[in-house]
Amino acid sequence: MRREQKQVFVLHLGSRQSIGPDDLRVMWATACESLDVRVSRRMLNAGGSSNRPCYGLWVGTAFNRIPAEQRLRAMLEARGYLFTLTNTAL
């Protein structure tokens, strides 16, 4: 039985930047220090004909938000990504 997960962040990369789902999942799992994670991707129309993806970052119940966010930001920055990471928790 799959455990309940919740979306905790939305990631937007800079224009003309992309990341594969496996690579992002590994980075997210590393940042969370847990394998109880998943990522999702959906396309957003940013006006005109240009579609840009946004990535949902999901985690199970065992999650330490601040250190995970700091580690993920550091990994993304080290790889040269321009990004916004939005907290979706209430």
PDB file of N, CA and C in Angstrom:
ATOM      1  N   MET A   1       0.840  -1.186   0.000  1.00  0.00           N
ATOM      2  CA  MET A   1       0.000   0.000   0.000  1.00  0.00           C
ATOM      3  C   MET A   1       0.887   1.252   0.000  1.00  0.00           C
ATOM      4  N   ARG A   2       0.600   2.190  -0.899  1.00  0.00           N
ATOM      5  CA  ARG A   2       1.373   3.418  -1.005  1.00  0.00           C
ATOM      6  C   ARG A   2       0.989   4.376   0.108  1.00  0.00           C
ATOM      7  N   ARG A   3       2.016   4.963   0.704  1.00  0.00           N
ATOM      8  CA  ARG A   3       1.760   5.919   1.780  1.00  0.00           C
ATOM      9  C   ARG A   3       1.275   7.249   1.221  1.00  0.00           C
ATOM     10  N   GLU A   4       0.545   7.966   2.043  1.00  0.00           N
ATOM     11  CA  GLU A   4       0.027   9.278   1.672  1.00  0.00           C
ATOM     12  C   GLU A   4       1.182  10.266   1.490  1.00  0.00           C
ATOM     13  N   GLN A   5       1.132  11.021   0.408  1.00  0.00           N
ATOM     14  CA  GLN A   5       2.131  12.056   0.152  1.00  0.00           C
ATOM     15  C   GLN A   5       1.418  13.379  -0.086  1.00  0.00           C
ATOM     16  N   LYS A   6       2.132  14.467   0.179  1.00  0.00           N
ATOM     17  CA  LYS A   6       1.567  15.794  -0.064  1.00  0.00           C
ATOM     18  C   LYS A   6       2.572  16.620  -0.851  1.00  0.00           C
ATOM     19  N   GLN A   7       2.042  17.496  -1.682  1.00  0.00           N
ATOM     20  CA  GLN A   7       2.910  18.395  -2.441  1.00  0.00           C
ATOM     21  C   GLN A   7       3.347  19.513  -1.511  1.00  0.00           C
ATOM     22  N   VAL A   8       4.659  19.759  -1.444  1.00  0.00           N
ATOM     23  CA  VAL A   8       5.175  20.765  -0.528  1.00  0.00           C
ATOM     24  C   VAL A   8       5.862  21.929  -1.232  1.00  0.00           C
ATOM     25  N   PHE A   9       6.283  21.739  -2.488  1.00  0.00           N
ATOM     26  CA  PHE A   9       6.915  22.809  -3.255  1.00  0.00           C
ATOM     27  C   PHE A   9       6.499  22.717  -4.717  1.00  0.00           C
ATOM     28  N   VAL A  10       6.549  23.863  -5.380  1.00  0.00           N
ATOM     29  CA  VAL A  10       6.438  23.936  -6.830  1.00  0.00           C
ATOM     30  C   VAL A  10       7.729  24.576  -7.323  1.00  0.00           C
ATOM     31  N   LEU A  11       8.354  23.928  -8.295  1.00  0.00           N
ATOM     32  CA  LEU A  11       9.617  24.387  -8.856  1.00  0.00           C
ATOM     33  C   LEU A  11       9.388  24.892 -10.273  1.00  0.00           C
ATOM     34  N   HIS A  12       9.842  26.098 -10.550  1.00  0.00           N
ATOM     35  CA  HIS A  12       9.852  26.655 -11.903  1.00  0.00           C
ATOM     36  C   HIS A  12      11.308  26.916 -12.261  1.00  0.00           C
ATOM     37  N   LEU A  13      11.738  26.413 -13.403  1.00  0.00           N
ATOM     38  CA  LEU A  13      13.092  26.669 -13.876  1.00  0.00           C
ATOM     39  C   LEU A  13      13.095  27.862 -14.810  1.00  0.00           C
ATOM     40  N   GLY A  14      14.287  28.405 -15.029  1.00  0.00           N
ATOM     41  CA  GLY A  14      14.441  29.527 -15.935  1.00  0.00           C
ATOM     42  C   GLY A  14      14.031  29.153 -17.351  1.00  0.00           C
ATOM     43  N   SER A  15      13.805  30.176 -18.160  1.00  0.00           N
ATOM     44  CA  SER A  15      13.430  29.905 -19.545  1.00  0.00           C
ATOM     45  C   SER A  15      14.534  29.123 -20.233  1.00  0.00           C
ATOM     46  N   ARG A  16      14.123  28.221 -21.065  1.00  0.00           N
ATOM     47  CA  ARG A  16      15.030  27.340 -21.815  1.00  0.00           C
ATOM     48  C   ARG A  16      15.801  26.374 -20.926  1.00  0.00           C
ATOM     49  N   GLN A  17      15.352  26.178 -19.704  1.00  0.00           N
ATOM     50  CA  GLN A  17      15.956  25.183 -18.824  1.00  0.00           C
ATOM     51  C   GLN A  17      14.946  24.077 -18.578  1.00  0.00           C
ATOM     52  N   SER A  18      15.455  22.872 -18.423  1.00  0.00           N
ATOM     53  CA  SER A  18      14.615  21.716 -18.164  1.00  0.00           C
ATOM     54  C   SER A  18      15.412  20.721 -17.333  1.00  0.00           C
ATOM     55  N   ILE A  19      14.697  19.822 -16.717  1.00  0.00           N
ATOM     56  CA  ILE A  19      15.341  18.762 -15.938  1.00  0.00           C
ATOM     57  C   ILE A  19      14.506  17.496 -16.120  1.00  0.00           C
ATOM     58  N   GLY A  20      15.183  16.385 -16.236  1.00  0.00           N
ATOM     59  CA  GLY A  20      14.477  15.120 -16.384  1.00  0.00           C
ATOM     60  C   GLY A  20      13.857  14.682 -15.069  1.00  0.00           C
ATOM     61  N   PRO A  21      12.764  13.922 -15.150  1.00  0.00           N
ATOM     62  CA  PRO A  21      12.080  13.504 -13.927  1.00  0.00           C
ATOM     63  C   PRO A  21      12.945  12.619 -13.031  1.00  0.00           C
ATOM     64  N   ASP A  22      13.752  11.747 -13.609  1.00  0.00           N
ATOM     65  CA  ASP A  22      14.607  10.885 -12.780  1.00  0.00           C
ATOM     66  C   ASP A  22      15.667  11.699 -12.059  1.00  0.00           C
ATOM     67  N   ASP A  23      16.276  12.641 -12.766  1.00  0.00           N
ATOM     68  CA  ASP A  23      17.302  13.486 -12.160  1.00  0.00           C
ATOM     69  C   ASP A  23      16.709  14.333 -11.036  1.00  0.00           C
ATOM     70  N   LEU A  24      15.538  14.926 -11.279  1.00  0.00           N
ATOM     71  CA  LEU A  24      14.896  15.740 -10.248  1.00  0.00           C
ATOM     72  C   LEU A  24      14.489  14.886  -9.057  1.00  0.00           C
ATOM     73  N   ARG A  25      13.986  13.689  -9.307  1.00  0.00           N
ATOM     74  CA  ARG A  25      13.586  12.819  -8.197  1.00  0.00           C
ATOM     75  C   ARG A  25      14.787  12.452  -7.333  1.00  0.00           C
ATOM     76  N   VAL A  26      15.928  12.163  -7.951  1.00  0.00           N
ATOM     77  CA  VAL A  26      17.138  11.840  -7.189  1.00  0.00           C
ATOM     78  C   VAL A  26      17.567  13.045  -6.348  1.00  0.00           C
ATOM     79  N   MET A  27      17.546  14.222  -6.948  1.00  0.00           N
ATOM     80  CA  MET A  27      17.915  15.431  -6.195  1.00  0.00           C
ATOM     81  C   MET A  27      16.953  15.663  -5.028  1.00  0.00           C
ATOM     82  N   TRP A  28      15.663  15.490  -5.284  1.00  0.00           N
ATOM     83  CA  TRP A  28      14.648  15.711  -4.244  1.00  0.00           C
ATOM     84  C   TRP A  28      14.792  14.686  -3.126  1.00  0.00           C
ATOM     85  N   ALA A  29      15.001  13.423  -3.482  1.00  0.00           N
ATOM     86  CA  ALA A  29      15.188  12.376  -2.465  1.00  0.00           C
ATOM     87  C   ALA A  29      16.437  12.650  -1.640  1.00  0.00           C
ATOM     88  N   THR A  30      17.495  13.093  -2.303  1.00  0.00           N
ATOM     89  CA  THR A  30      18.731  13.426  -1.593  1.00  0.00           C
ATOM     90  C   THR A  30      18.506  14.593  -0.645  1.00  0.00           C
ATOM     91  N   ALA A  31      17.815  15.620  -1.122  1.00  0.00           N
ATOM     92  CA  ALA A  31      17.532  16.790  -0.285  1.00  0.00           C
ATOM     93  C   ALA A  31      16.691  16.417   0.924  1.00  0.00           C
ATOM     94  N   CYS A  32      15.728  15.509   0.730  1.00  0.00           N
ATOM     95  CA  CYS A  32      14.829  15.096   1.820  1.00  0.00           C
ATOM     96  C   CYS A  32      15.432  14.010   2.694  1.00  0.00           C
ATOM     97  N   GLU A  33      16.520  13.403   2.222  1.00  0.00           N
ATOM     98  CA  GLU A  33      17.117  12.255   2.897  1.00  0.00           C
ATOM     99  C   GLU A  33      16.074  11.158   3.108  1.00  0.00           C
ATOM    100  N   SER A  34      15.289  10.928   2.044  1.00  0.00           N
ATOM    101  CA  SER A  34      14.207   9.944   2.101  1.00  0.00           C
ATOM    102  C   SER A  34      13.895   9.463   0.689  1.00  0.00           C
ATOM    103  N   LEU A  35      13.473   8.216   0.577  1.00  0.00           N
ATOM    104  CA  LEU A  35      13.003   7.698  -0.703  1.00  0.00           C
ATOM    105  C   LEU A  35      11.492   7.846  -0.843  1.00  0.00           C
ATOM    106  N   ASP A  36      10.830   8.323   0.203  1.00  0.00           N
ATOM    107  CA  ASP A  36       9.380   8.509   0.186  1.00  0.00           C
ATOM    108  C   ASP A  36       9.038   9.863  -0.443  1.00  0.00           C
ATOM    109  N   VAL A  37       9.433  10.032  -1.705  1.00  0.00           N
ATOM    110  CA  VAL A  37       9.206  11.271  -2.441  1.00  0.00           C
ATOM    111  C   VAL A  37       8.717  10.939  -3.840  1.00  0.00           C
ATOM    112  N   ARG A  38       8.153  11.941  -4.487  1.00  0.00           N
ATOM    113  CA  ARG A  38       7.857  11.833  -5.915  1.00  0.00           C
ATOM    114  C   ARG A  38       7.843  13.224  -6.506  1.00  0.00           C
ATOM    115  N   VAL A  39       7.934  13.278  -7.822  1.00  0.00           N
ATOM    116  CA  VAL A  39       7.870  14.555  -8.531  1.00  0.00           C
ATOM    117  C   VAL A  39       6.801  14.454  -9.601  1.00  0.00           C
ATOM    118  N   SER A  40       6.222  15.571  -9.943  1.00  0.00           N
ATOM    119  CA  SER A  40       5.247  15.627 -11.023  1.00  0.00           C
ATOM    120  C   SER A  40       5.621  16.799 -11.920  1.00  0.00           C
ATOM    121  N   ARG A  41       5.095  16.771 -13.131  1.00  0.00           N
ATOM    122  CA  ARG A  41       5.388  17.829 -14.084  1.00  0.00           C
ATOM    123  C   ARG A  41       4.106  18.173 -14.830  1.00  0.00           C
ATOM    124  N   ARG A  42       3.875  19.464 -15.001  1.00  0.00           N
ATOM    125  CA  ARG A  42       2.750  19.895 -15.815  1.00  0.00           C
ATOM    126  C   ARG A  42       3.178  21.136 -16.590  1.00  0.00           C
ATOM    127  N   MET A  43       2.525  21.340 -17.703  1.00  0.00           N
ATOM    128  CA  MET A  43       2.852  22.471 -18.570  1.00  0.00           C
ATOM    129  C   MET A  43       1.973  23.662 -18.223  1.00  0.00           C
ATOM    130  N   LEU A  44       2.594  24.821 -18.165  1.00  0.00           N
ATOM    131  CA  LEU A  44       1.874  26.068 -17.949  1.00  0.00           C
ATOM    132  C   LEU A  44       2.043  26.932 -19.180  1.00  0.00           C
ATOM    133  N   ASN A  45       0.986  27.540 -19.614  1.00  0.00           N
ATOM    134  CA  ASN A  45       1.070  28.470 -20.721  1.00  0.00           C
ATOM    135  C   ASN A  45       1.477  29.817 -20.150  1.00  0.00           C
ATOM    136  N   ALA A  46       2.685  30.252 -20.493  1.00  0.00           N
ATOM    137  CA  ALA A  46       3.219  31.508 -19.962  1.00  0.00           C
ATOM    138  C   ALA A  46       2.843  32.695 -20.842  1.00  0.00           C
ATOM    139  N   GLY A  47       1.774  32.580 -21.578  1.00  0.00           N
ATOM    140  CA  GLY A  47       1.358  33.636 -22.492  1.00  0.00           C
ATOM    141  C   GLY A  47       1.876  33.329 -23.890  1.00  0.00           C
ATOM    142  N   GLY A  48       1.110  33.620 -24.872  1.00  0.00           N
ATOM    143  CA  GLY A  48       1.521  33.320 -26.231  1.00  0.00           C
ATOM    144  C   GLY A  48       1.520  31.826 -26.469  1.00  0.00           C
ATOM    145  N   SER A  49       2.455  31.368 -27.278  1.00  0.00           N
ATOM    146  CA  SER A  49       2.485  29.948 -27.624  1.00  0.00           C
ATOM    147  C   SER A  49       3.535  29.169 -26.841  1.00  0.00           C
ATOM    148  N   SER A  50       4.212  29.817 -25.920  1.00  0.00           N
ATOM    149  CA  SER A  50       5.290  29.170 -25.176  1.00  0.00           C
ATOM    150  C   SER A  50       4.745  28.446 -23.944  1.00  0.00           C
ATOM    151  N   ASN A  51       4.915  27.154 -23.897  1.00  0.00           N
ATOM    152  CA  ASN A  51       4.534  26.386 -22.718  1.00  0.00           C
ATOM    153  C   ASN A  51       5.781  26.120 -21.890  1.00  0.00           C
ATOM    154  N   ARG A  52       5.666  26.310 -20.598  1.00  0.00           N
ATOM    155  CA  ARG A  52       6.789  26.054 -19.701  1.00  0.00           C
ATOM    156  C   ARG A  52       6.345  25.068 -18.642  1.00  0.00           C
ATOM    157  N   PRO A  53       7.217  24.138 -18.296  1.00  0.00           N
ATOM    158  CA  PRO A  53       6.842  23.166 -17.275  1.00  0.00           C
ATOM    159  C   PRO A  53       7.009  23.730 -15.864  1.00  0.00           C
ATOM    160  N   CYS A  54       6.206  23.231 -14.965  1.00  0.00           N
ATOM    161  CA  CYS A  54       6.436  23.434 -13.540  1.00  0.00           C
ATOM    162  C   CYS A  54       6.445  22.056 -12.913  1.00  0.00           C
ATOM    163  N   TYR A  55       7.176  21.918 -11.857  1.00  0.00           N
ATOM    164  CA  TYR A  55       7.412  20.623 -11.246  1.00  0.00           C
ATOM    165  C   TYR A  55       6.870  20.631  -9.815  1.00  0.00           C
ATOM    166  N   GLY A  56       6.055  19.663  -9.492  1.00  0.00           N
ATOM    167  CA  GLY A  56       5.566  19.500  -8.134  1.00  0.00           C
ATOM    168  C   GLY A  56       6.499  18.563  -7.378  1.00  0.00           C
ATOM    169  N   LEU A  57       6.836  18.931  -6.163  1.00  0.00           N
ATOM    170  CA  LEU A  57       7.699  18.113  -5.313  1.00  0.00           C
ATOM    171  C   LEU A  57       6.862  17.600  -4.149  1.00  0.00           C
ATOM    172  N   TRP A  58       6.773  16.292  -4.053  1.00  0.00           N
ATOM    173  CA  TRP A  58       5.899  15.612  -3.097  1.00  0.00           C
ATOM    174  C   TRP A  58       6.736  14.839  -2.104  1.00  0.00           C
ATOM    175  N   VAL A  59       6.198  14.680  -0.887  1.00  0.00           N
ATOM    176  CA  VAL A  59       6.917  13.961   0.163  1.00  0.00           C
ATOM    177  C   VAL A  59       5.914  13.284   1.094  1.00  0.00           C
ATOM    178  N   GLY A  60       6.381  12.235   1.734  1.00  0.00           N
ATOM    179  CA  GLY A  60       5.563  11.539   2.728  1.00  0.00           C
ATOM    180  C   GLY A  60       5.545  12.298   4.044  1.00  0.00           C
ATOM    181  N   THR A  61       5.119  11.639   5.073  1.00  0.00           N
ATOM    182  CA  THR A  61       4.930  12.311   6.358  1.00  0.00           C
ATOM    183  C   THR A  61       6.234  12.680   7.062  1.00  0.00           C
ATOM    184  N   ALA A  62       7.274  11.870   6.911  1.00  0.00           N
ATOM    185  CA  ALA A  62       8.555  12.161   7.566  1.00  0.00           C
ATOM    186  C   ALA A  62       9.332  13.155   6.700  1.00  0.00           C
ATOM    187  N   PHE A  63       9.314  14.434   7.102  1.00  0.00           N
ATOM    188  CA  PHE A  63       9.882  15.475   6.258  1.00  0.00           C
ATOM    189  C   PHE A  63      10.318  16.646   7.116  1.00  0.00           C
ATOM    190  N   ASN A  64      11.567  17.065   6.947  1.00  0.00           N
ATOM    191  CA  ASN A  64      12.095  18.225   7.646  1.00  0.00           C
ATOM    192  C   ASN A  64      12.294  19.328   6.612  1.00  0.00           C
ATOM    193  N   ARG A  65      11.320  20.216   6.501  1.00  0.00           N
ATOM    194  CA  ARG A  65      11.210  21.180   5.408  1.00  0.00           C
ATOM    195  C   ARG A  65      12.427  22.097   5.236  1.00  0.00           C
ATOM    196  N   ILE A  66      12.868  22.750   6.250  1.00  0.00           N
ATOM    197  CA  ILE A  66      13.915  23.767   6.100  1.00  0.00           C
ATOM    198  C   ILE A  66      15.230  23.168   5.599  1.00  0.00           C
ATOM    199  N   PRO A  67      15.765  22.114   6.228  1.00  0.00           N
ATOM    200  CA  PRO A  67      17.010  21.543   5.688  1.00  0.00           C
ATOM    201  C   PRO A  67      16.847  20.975   4.279  1.00  0.00           C
ATOM    202  N   ALA A  68      15.696  20.362   3.990  1.00  0.00           N
ATOM    203  CA  ALA A  68      15.463  19.808   2.652  1.00  0.00           C
ATOM    204  C   ALA A  68      15.441  20.928   1.614  1.00  0.00           C
ATOM    205  N   GLU A  69      14.778  22.017   1.921  1.00  0.00           N
ATOM    206  CA  GLU A  69      14.730  23.143   0.987  1.00  0.00           C
ATOM    207  C   GLU A  69      16.124  23.723   0.776  1.00  0.00           C
ATOM    208  N   GLN A  70      16.891  23.880   1.837  1.00  0.00           N
ATOM    209  CA  GLN A  70      18.240  24.423   1.715  1.00  0.00           C
ATOM    210  C   GLN A  70      19.129  23.519   0.856  1.00  0.00           C
ATOM    211  N   ARG A  71      19.035  22.213   1.073  1.00  0.00           N
ATOM    212  CA  ARG A  71      19.846  21.280   0.279  1.00  0.00           C
ATOM    213  C   ARG A  71      19.436  21.295  -1.188  1.00  0.00           C
ATOM    214  N   LEU A  72      18.117  21.316  -1.461  1.00  0.00           N
ATOM    215  CA  LEU A  72      17.662  21.340  -2.840  1.00  0.00           C
ATOM    216  C   LEU A  72      18.102  22.624  -3.537  1.00  0.00           C
ATOM    217  N   ARG A  73      17.955  23.751  -2.878  1.00  0.00           N
ATOM    218  CA  ARG A  73      18.390  25.022  -3.462  1.00  0.00           C
ATOM    219  C   ARG A  73      19.883  24.983  -3.788  1.00  0.00           C
ATOM    220  N   ALA A  74      20.682  24.452  -2.882  1.00  0.00           N
ATOM    221  CA  ALA A  74      22.127  24.376  -3.110  1.00  0.00           C
ATOM    222  C   ALA A  74      22.448  23.483  -4.310  1.00  0.00           C
ATOM    223  N   MET A  75      21.759  22.352  -4.442  1.00  0.00           N
ATOM    224  CA  MET A  75      21.997  21.453  -5.578  1.00  0.00           C
ATOM    225  C   MET A  75      21.601  22.104  -6.898  1.00  0.00           C
ATOM    226  N   LEU A  76      20.461  22.771  -6.924  1.00  0.00           N
ATOM    227  CA  LEU A  76      20.015  23.436  -8.149  1.00  0.00           C
ATOM    228  C   LEU A  76      20.970  24.565  -8.540  1.00  0.00           C
ATOM    229  N   GLU A  77      21.398  25.350  -7.558  1.00  0.00           N
ATOM    230  CA  GLU A  77      22.335  26.435  -7.823  1.00  0.00           C
ATOM    231  C   GLU A  77      23.672  25.895  -8.321  1.00  0.00           C
ATOM    232  N   ALA A  78      24.146  24.805  -7.734  1.00  0.00           N
ATOM    233  CA  ALA A  78      25.424  24.214  -8.146  1.00  0.00           C
ATOM    234  C   ALA A  78      25.392  23.747  -9.599  1.00  0.00           C
ATOM    235  N   ARG A  79      24.218  23.391 -10.077  1.00  0.00           N
ATOM    236  CA  ARG A  79      24.079  22.944 -11.468  1.00  0.00           C
ATOM    237  C   ARG A  79      23.752  24.091 -12.425  1.00  0.00           C
ATOM    238  N   GLY A  80      23.698  25.302 -11.906  1.00  0.00           N
ATOM    239  CA  GLY A  80      23.497  26.467 -12.751  1.00  0.00           C
ATOM    240  C   GLY A  80      22.058  26.771 -13.120  1.00  0.00           C
ATOM    241  N   TYR A  81      21.107  26.197 -12.406  1.00  0.00           N
ATOM    242  CA  TYR A  81      19.700  26.473 -12.702  1.00  0.00           C
ATOM    243  C   TYR A  81      19.295  27.837 -12.155  1.00  0.00           C
ATOM    244  N   LEU A  82      18.482  28.529 -12.919  1.00  0.00           N
ATOM    245  CA  LEU A  82      17.769  29.703 -12.453  1.00  0.00           C
ATOM    246  C   LEU A  82      16.378  29.194 -12.109  1.00  0.00           C
ATOM    247  N   PHE A  83      15.871  29.498 -10.933  1.00  0.00           N
ATOM    248  CA  PHE A  83      14.630  28.854 -10.514  1.00  0.00           C
ATOM    249  C   PHE A  83      13.903  29.663  -9.454  1.00  0.00           C
ATOM    250  N   THR A  84      12.637  29.337  -9.299  1.00  0.00           N
ATOM    251  CA  THR A  84      11.861  29.745  -8.138  1.00  0.00           C
ATOM    252  C   THR A  84      11.326  28.479  -7.491  1.00  0.00           C
ATOM    253  N   LEU A  85      11.342  28.448  -6.196  1.00  0.00           N
ATOM    254  CA  LEU A  85      10.855  27.310  -5.428  1.00  0.00           C
ATOM    255  C   LEU A  85       9.803  27.851  -4.475  1.00  0.00           C
ATOM    256  N   THR A  86       8.563  27.487  -4.721  1.00  0.00           N
ATOM    257  CA  THR A  86       7.437  28.027  -3.961  1.00  0.00           C
ATOM    258  C   THR A  86       6.913  26.992  -2.988  1.00  0.00           C
ATOM    259  N   ASN A  87       6.791  27.391  -1.733  1.00  0.00           N
ATOM    260  CA  ASN A  87       6.259  26.540  -0.679  1.00  0.00           C
ATOM    261  C   ASN A  87       4.742  26.457  -0.860  1.00  0.00           C
ATOM    262  N   THR A  88       4.195  25.253  -0.899  1.00  0.00           N
ATOM    263  CA  THR A  88       2.752  25.098  -1.078  1.00  0.00           C
ATOM    264  C   THR A  88       2.026  24.713   0.205  1.00  0.00           C
ATOM    265  N   ALA A  89       2.748  24.554   1.305  1.00  0.00           N
ATOM    266  CA  ALA A  89       2.116  24.161   2.577  1.00  0.00           C
ATOM    267  C   ALA A  89       1.410  25.342   3.200  1.00  0.00           C
ATOM    268  N   LEU A  90       0.316  25.037   3.850  1.00  0.00           N
ATOM    269  CA  LEU A  90      -0.449  26.088   4.554  1.00  0.00           C
ATOM    270  C   LEU A  90       0.057  26.244   5.951  1.00  0.00           C
TER     271      LEU A  90
END
